[in-house]
PDB file of N, CA and C in Angstrom:
ATOM      1  N   MET A   1       0.722  -1.257  -0.192  1.00  0.00           N
ATOM      2  CA  MET A   1      -0.092  -0.080  -0.046  1.00  0.00           C
ATOM      3  C   MET A   1       1.001   1.142   0.048  1.00  0.00           C
ATOM      4  N   LYS A   2       0.699   2.251  -0.801  1.00  0.00           N
ATOM      5  CA  LYS A   2       1.421   3.304  -1.026  1.00  0.00           C
ATOM      6  C   LYS A   2       0.871   4.309   0.144  1.00  0.00           C
ATOM      7  N   ALA A   3       1.815   5.200   0.463  1.00  0.00           N
ATOM      8  CA  ALA A   3       1.667   6.306   1.464  1.00  0.00           C
ATOM      9  C   ALA A   3       0.626   7.116   1.222  1.00  0.00           C
ATOM     10  N   LYS A   4       0.457   7.330  -0.225  1.00  0.00           N
ATOM     11  CA  LYS A   4      -0.546   8.451  -0.748  1.00  0.00           C
ATOM     12  C   LYS A   4      -2.040   7.592  -0.469  1.00  0.00           C
ATOM     13  N   GLU A   5      -1.892   6.500  -0.777  1.00  0.00           N
ATOM     14  CA  GLU A   5      -3.515   5.577  -0.367  1.00  0.00           C
ATOM     15  C   GLU A   5      -3.398   5.760   1.024  1.00  0.00           C
ATOM     16  N   ILE A   6      -2.333   5.711   1.961  1.00  0.00           N
ATOM     17  CA  ILE A   6      -2.590   5.446   3.363  1.00  0.00           C
ATOM     18  C   ILE A   6      -3.313   7.168   4.097  1.00  0.00           C
ATOM     19  N   ARG A   7      -2.669   8.092   3.328  1.00  0.00           N
ATOM     20  CA  ARG A   7      -2.930   9.375   3.959  1.00  0.00           C
ATOM     21  C   ARG A   7      -4.348   9.582   3.610  1.00  0.00           C
ATOM     22  N   ASN A   8      -5.166   9.171   2.530  1.00  0.00           N
ATOM     23  CA  ASN A   8      -6.512   9.534   2.324  1.00  0.00           C
ATOM     24  C   ASN A   8      -7.361   8.659   3.385  1.00  0.00           C
ATOM     25  N   LEU A   9      -6.968   7.693   4.400  1.00  0.00           N
ATOM     26  CA  LEU A   9      -7.812   6.769   5.070  1.00  0.00           C
ATOM     27  C   LEU A   9      -8.079   7.880   6.298  1.00  0.00           C
ATOM     28  N   SER A  10      -9.324   7.387   7.055  1.00  0.00           N
ATOM     29  CA  SER A  10      -9.514   8.297   8.368  1.00  0.00           C
ATOM     30  C   SER A  10      -8.613   7.724   9.149  1.00  0.00           C
ATOM     31  N   ASP A  11      -8.724   8.562  10.645  1.00  0.00           N
ATOM     32  CA  ASP A  11      -7.866   7.942  11.777  1.00  0.00           C
ATOM     33  C   ASP A  11      -8.501   6.623  12.210  1.00  0.00           C
ATOM     34  N   HIS A  12      -9.801   6.254  12.192  1.00  0.00           N
ATOM     35  CA  HIS A  12     -10.347   5.220  12.473  1.00  0.00           C
ATOM     36  C   HIS A  12      -9.912   3.843  11.499  1.00  0.00           C
ATOM     37  N   ASP A  13      -9.896   4.300  10.155  1.00  0.00           N
ATOM     38  CA  ASP A  13      -9.551   3.161   9.402  1.00  0.00           C
ATOM     39  C   ASP A  13      -7.836   2.940   9.422  1.00  0.00           C
ATOM     40  N   LEU A  14      -7.165   4.036   9.970  1.00  0.00           N
ATOM     41  CA  LEU A  14      -5.833   3.788  10.018  1.00  0.00           C
ATOM     42  C   LEU A  14      -5.563   2.751  11.165  1.00  0.00           C
ATOM     43  N   ASP A  15      -6.325   3.175  12.368  1.00  0.00           N
ATOM     44  CA  ASP A  15      -6.281   2.277  13.316  1.00  0.00           C
ATOM     45  C   ASP A  15      -6.575   0.649  13.089  1.00  0.00           C
ATOM     46  N   LYS A  16      -7.626   0.536  12.154  1.00  0.00           N
ATOM     47  CA  LYS A  16      -7.984  -0.868  11.774  1.00  0.00           C
ATOM     48  C   LYS A  16      -6.771  -1.420  10.723  1.00  0.00           C
ATOM     49  N   GLN A  17      -6.251  -0.461  10.257  1.00  0.00           N
ATOM     50  CA  GLN A  17      -5.092  -0.977   9.142  1.00  0.00           C
ATOM     51  C   GLN A  17      -4.044  -1.533   9.594  1.00  0.00           C
ATOM     52  N   LEU A  18      -3.693  -0.809  10.625  1.00  0.00           N
ATOM     53  CA  LEU A  18      -2.629  -1.311  11.595  1.00  0.00           C
ATOM     54  C   LEU A  18      -2.943  -2.515  12.371  1.00  0.00           C
ATOM     55  N   TYR A  19      -3.991  -2.766  12.863  1.00  0.00           N
ATOM     56  CA  TYR A  19      -4.468  -4.014  13.721  1.00  0.00           C
ATOM     57  C   TYR A  19      -4.473  -4.968  12.418  1.00  0.00           C
ATOM     58  N   ASP A  20      -5.142  -4.915  11.342  1.00  0.00           N
ATOM     59  CA  ASP A  20      -4.898  -5.989  10.671  1.00  0.00           C
ATOM     60  C   ASP A  20      -3.301  -6.219   9.953  1.00  0.00           C
ATOM     61  N   LEU A  21      -2.655  -5.178   9.769  1.00  0.00           N
ATOM     62  CA  LEU A  21      -1.322  -5.608   9.089  1.00  0.00           C
ATOM     63  C   LEU A  21      -0.482  -6.201  10.295  1.00  0.00           C
ATOM     64  N   GLN A  22      -0.788  -5.966  11.626  1.00  0.00           N
ATOM     65  CA  GLN A  22       0.061  -6.591  12.701  1.00  0.00           C
ATOM     66  C   GLN A  22      -0.492  -7.910  13.034  1.00  0.00           C
ATOM     67  N   SER A  23      -1.569  -8.067  12.576  1.00  0.00           N
ATOM     68  CA  SER A  23      -2.277  -9.563  12.609  1.00  0.00           C
ATOM     69  C   SER A  23      -1.593 -10.507  11.573  1.00  0.00           C
ATOM     70  N   GLU A  24      -1.569  -9.836  10.287  1.00  0.00           N
ATOM     71  CA  GLU A  24      -0.964 -10.563   9.305  1.00  0.00           C
ATOM     72  C   GLU A  24       0.521 -10.778   9.436  1.00  0.00           C
ATOM     73  N   LEU A  25       1.273  -9.833  10.005  1.00  0.00           N
ATOM     74  CA  LEU A  25       2.730 -10.137  10.430  1.00  0.00           C
ATOM     75  C   LEU A  25       2.833 -11.076  11.379  1.00  0.00           C
ATOM     76  N   PHE A  26       1.927 -11.400  12.388  1.00  0.00           N
ATOM     77  CA  PHE A  26       2.005 -12.456  13.210  1.00  0.00           C
ATOM     78  C   PHE A  26       1.890 -13.762  12.472  1.00  0.00           C
ATOM     79  N   ASN A  27       0.792 -13.603  11.755  1.00  0.00           N
ATOM     80  CA  ASN A  27       0.510 -14.904  10.883  1.00  0.00           C
ATOM     81  C   ASN A  27       1.734 -15.324  10.116  1.00  0.00           C
ATOM     82  N   LEU A  28       2.445 -14.393   9.409  1.00  0.00           N
ATOM     83  CA  LEU A  28       3.551 -14.590   8.560  1.00  0.00           C
ATOM     84  C   LEU A  28       4.662 -15.401   9.169  1.00  0.00           C
ATOM     85  N   ARG A  29       4.786 -14.829  10.513  1.00  0.00           N
ATOM     86  CA  ARG A  29       6.112 -15.141  11.330  1.00  0.00           C
ATOM     87  C   ARG A  29       5.832 -16.606  11.721  1.00  0.00           C
ATOM     88  N   PHE A  30       4.405 -16.745  12.123  1.00  0.00           N
ATOM     89  CA  PHE A  30       3.924 -18.140  12.733  1.00  0.00           C
ATOM     90  C   PHE A  30       4.187 -19.262  11.522  1.00  0.00           C
ATOM     91  N   ARG A  31       3.872 -18.851  10.210  1.00  0.00           N
ATOM     92  CA  ARG A  31       4.022 -19.595   8.981  1.00  0.00           C
ATOM     93  C   ARG A  31       5.774 -19.755   8.790  1.00  0.00           C
ATOM     94  N   LEU A  32       6.149 -19.033   9.219  1.00  0.00           N
ATOM     95  CA  LEU A  32       7.786 -18.864   8.757  1.00  0.00           C
ATOM     96  C   LEU A  32       8.320 -19.903   9.872  1.00  0.00           C
ATOM     97  N   ALA A  33       8.013 -19.953  11.165  1.00  0.00           N
ATOM     98  CA  ALA A  33       8.548 -20.914  12.114  1.00  0.00           C
ATOM     99  C   ALA A  33       8.215 -22.101  12.060  1.00  0.00           C
ATOM    100  N   THR A  34       7.088 -22.335  11.173  1.00  0.00           N
ATOM    101  CA  THR A  34       6.591 -23.932  10.891  1.00  0.00           C
ATOM    102  C   THR A  34       6.873 -24.231   9.681  1.00  0.00           C
ATOM    103  N   GLY A  35       7.730 -23.406   8.676  1.00  0.00           N
ATOM    104  CA  GLY A  35       8.203 -23.949   7.514  1.00  0.00           C
ATOM    105  C   GLY A  35       7.080 -23.946   6.216  1.00  0.00           C
ATOM    106  N   GLN A  36       6.056 -23.143   6.568  1.00  0.00           N
ATOM    107  CA  GLN A  36       4.826 -23.141   5.506  1.00  0.00           C
ATOM    108  C   GLN A  36       4.873 -21.740   4.850  1.00  0.00           C
ATOM    109  N   LEU A  37       5.907 -20.752   5.128  1.00  0.00           N
ATOM    110  CA  LEU A  37       5.964 -19.702   4.451  1.00  0.00           C
ATOM    111  C   LEU A  37       6.777 -19.663   2.918  1.00  0.00           C
ATOM    112  N   GLU A  38       6.101 -19.386   2.018  1.00  0.00           N
ATOM    113  CA  GLU A  38       6.762 -19.650   0.670  1.00  0.00           C
ATOM    114  C   GLU A  38       7.593 -18.549   0.153  1.00  0.00           C
ATOM    115  N   ASN A  39       7.356 -17.331   0.731  1.00  0.00           N
ATOM    116  CA  ASN A  39       7.700 -16.201   0.400  1.00  0.00           C
ATOM    117  C   ASN A  39       8.139 -15.217   1.580  1.00  0.00           C
ATOM    118  N   PRO A  40       8.946 -15.478   2.149  1.00  0.00           N
ATOM    119  CA  PRO A  40       9.585 -14.852   3.204  1.00  0.00           C
ATOM    120  C   PRO A  40       9.768 -13.262   2.991  1.00  0.00           C
ATOM    121  N   SER A  41       9.958 -12.669   1.830  1.00  0.00           N
ATOM    122  CA  SER A  41      10.076 -11.171   1.658  1.00  0.00           C
ATOM    123  C   SER A  41       8.713 -10.698   1.961  1.00  0.00           C
ATOM    124  N   ALA A  42       7.716 -11.384   2.073  1.00  0.00           N
ATOM    125  CA  ALA A  42       6.334 -10.694   2.434  1.00  0.00           C
ATOM    126  C   ALA A  42       6.480 -10.256   3.986  1.00  0.00           C
ATOM    127  N   ILE A  43       7.303 -10.635   4.423  1.00  0.00           N
ATOM    128  CA  ILE A  43       7.208 -10.157   6.034  1.00  0.00           C
ATOM    129  C   ILE A  43       8.028  -8.876   5.865  1.00  0.00           C
ATOM    130  N   GLY A  44       9.060  -8.470   5.057  1.00  0.00           N
ATOM    131  CA  GLY A  44       9.358  -7.454   5.034  1.00  0.00           C
ATOM    132  C   GLY A  44       8.559  -6.207   4.461  1.00  0.00           C
ATOM    133  N   SER A  45       7.724  -6.611   3.610  1.00  0.00           N
ATOM    134  CA  SER A  45       6.798  -5.968   3.217  1.00  0.00           C
ATOM    135  C   SER A  45       5.496  -5.262   3.873  1.00  0.00           C
ATOM    136  N   VAL A  46       5.191  -6.468   4.872  1.00  0.00           N
ATOM    137  CA  VAL A  46       4.349  -6.119   5.778  1.00  0.00           C
ATOM    138  C   VAL A  46       4.759  -4.962   6.944  1.00  0.00           C
ATOM    139  N   LYS A  47       6.082  -5.242   7.263  1.00  0.00           N
ATOM    140  CA  LYS A  47       6.670  -4.299   8.155  1.00  0.00           C
ATOM    141  C   LYS A  47       6.897  -2.889   7.717  1.00  0.00           C
ATOM    142  N   LYS A  48       7.351  -2.847   6.390  1.00  0.00           N
ATOM    143  CA  LYS A  48       7.437  -1.776   5.744  1.00  0.00           C
ATOM    144  C   LYS A  48       5.707  -0.951   5.955  1.00  0.00           C
ATOM    145  N   ASP A  49       4.814  -1.642   5.388  1.00  0.00           N
ATOM    146  CA  ASP A  49       3.489  -0.957   5.760  1.00  0.00           C
ATOM    147  C   ASP A  49       3.151  -0.651   6.851  1.00  0.00           C
ATOM    148  N   ILE A  50       3.434  -1.377   7.962  1.00  0.00           N
ATOM    149  CA  ILE A  50       3.136  -0.957   9.416  1.00  0.00           C
ATOM    150  C   ILE A  50       3.912   0.441   9.580  1.00  0.00           C
ATOM    151  N   ALA A  51       5.145   0.329   9.226  1.00  0.00           N
ATOM    152  CA  ALA A  51       5.957   1.774   9.416  1.00  0.00           C
ATOM    153  C   ALA A  51       5.476   2.825   8.667  1.00  0.00           C
ATOM    154  N   ARG A  52       4.759   2.754   7.549  1.00  0.00           N
ATOM    155  CA  ARG A  52       4.037   3.725   6.708  1.00  0.00           C
ATOM    156  C   ARG A  52       2.862   4.164   7.736  1.00  0.00           C
ATOM    157  N   VAL A  53       2.153   3.368   8.030  1.00  0.00           N
ATOM    158  CA  VAL A  53       0.889   3.659   8.943  1.00  0.00           C
ATOM    159  C   VAL A  53       1.264   4.513  10.110  1.00  0.00           C
ATOM    160  N   LYS A  54       2.239   4.037  10.741  1.00  0.00           N
ATOM    161  CA  LYS A  54       2.732   4.505  12.208  1.00  0.00           C
ATOM    162  C   LYS A  54       3.194   5.935  11.886  1.00  0.00           C
ATOM    163  N   THR A  55       4.179   6.170  10.785  1.00  0.00           N
ATOM    164  CA  THR A  55       4.611   7.276  10.283  1.00  0.00           C
ATOM    165  C   THR A  55       3.537   8.313  10.175  1.00  0.00           C
ATOM    166  N   ILE A  56       2.440   8.019   9.616  1.00  0.00           N
ATOM    167  CA  ILE A  56       1.151   8.766   9.083  1.00  0.00           C
ATOM    168  C   ILE A  56       0.533   9.005  10.262  1.00  0.00           C
ATOM    169  N   GLN A  57       0.242   8.222  11.381  1.00  0.00           N
ATOM    170  CA  GLN A  57      -0.507   8.334  12.514  1.00  0.00           C
ATOM    171  C   GLN A  57       0.364   9.745  13.382  1.00  0.00           C
ATOM    172  N   THR A  58       1.509   9.441  13.439  1.00  0.00           N
ATOM    173  CA  THR A  58       2.503  10.328  13.882  1.00  0.00           C
ATOM    174  C   THR A  58       2.456  11.780  13.559  1.00  0.00           C
ATOM    175  N   GLU A  59       2.460  11.933  11.962  1.00  0.00           N
ATOM    176  CA  GLU A  59       2.295  13.304  11.339  1.00  0.00           C
ATOM    177  C   GLU A  59       1.096  13.694  11.865  1.00  0.00           C
ATOM    178  N   ARG A  60      -0.118  13.021  11.947  1.00  0.00           N
ATOM    179  CA  ARG A  60      -1.307  13.824  12.088  1.00  0.00           C
ATOM    180  C   ARG A  60      -1.493  14.049  13.862  1.00  0.00           C
ATOM    181  N   LYS A  61      -0.565  13.297  14.455  1.00  0.00           N
ATOM    182  CA  LYS A  61      -0.684  13.708  15.701  1.00  0.00           C
ATOM    183  C   LYS A  61       0.232  15.170  16.094  1.00  0.00           C
ATOM    184  N   LEU A  62       1.099  15.467  15.237  1.00  0.00           N
ATOM    185  CA  LEU A  62       2.110  16.605  15.462  1.00  0.00           C
ATOM    186  C   LEU A  62       1.643  17.528  14.474  1.00  0.00           C
ATOM    187  N   ASN A  63       0.437  17.302  13.892  1.00  0.00           N
ATOM    188  CA  ASN A  63      -0.060  18.160  12.471  1.00  0.00           C
ATOM    189  C   ASN A  63       1.184  18.446  11.549  1.00  0.00           C
ATOM    190  N   ILE A  64       1.794  17.533  10.955  1.00  0.00           N
ATOM    191  CA  ILE A  64       2.800  17.625   9.903  1.00  0.00           C
ATOM    192  C   ILE A  64       2.047  17.511   8.488  1.00  0.00           C
ATOM    193  N   ASN A  65       2.016  18.429   7.602  1.00  0.00           N
ATOM    194  CA  ASN A  65       1.377  18.125   6.287  1.00  0.00           C
ATOM    195  C   ASN A  65       2.330  17.725   5.438  1.00  0.00           C
ATOM    196  N   ARG A  66       2.471  16.544   4.969  1.00  0.00           N
ATOM    197  CA  ARG A  66       3.243  16.219   3.923  1.00  0.00           C
ATOM    198  C   ARG A  66       2.621  15.577   2.557  1.00  0.00           C
ATOM    199  N   GLU A  67       2.972  16.157   1.694  1.00  0.00           N
ATOM    200  CA  GLU A  67       2.279  15.630   0.462  1.00  0.00           C
ATOM    201  C   GLU A  67       3.334  15.138  -0.372  1.00  0.00           C
ATOM    202  N   ALA A  68       3.167  13.467  -0.629  1.00  0.00           N
ATOM    203  CA  ALA A  68       4.230  12.840  -1.381  1.00  0.00           C
ATOM    204  C   ALA A  68       3.732  12.318  -2.517  1.00  0.00           C
TER     205      ALA A  68
END
C-alpha cells in the first residue's frame, strides 16, 4: 500500500489497517517458524506497511502536512 493511499484513510481506518497488518505479520511469522511460508520477503513488505501507517499517524498527531 502506498503512502498516498494511506493518507486518504480516516483515523479510524488507519487504526484498523494497523491492527490488520500486525495480525498479518503475526501469521506470517508463525508460518515462517513452521516452515509453511513460501515467500519470506512478504514479512519485510508488511513491516514496511506498518511503518508507513505509524508514520502517518505520528504526522497527524503532530499536525505535519506532507504531500508525497
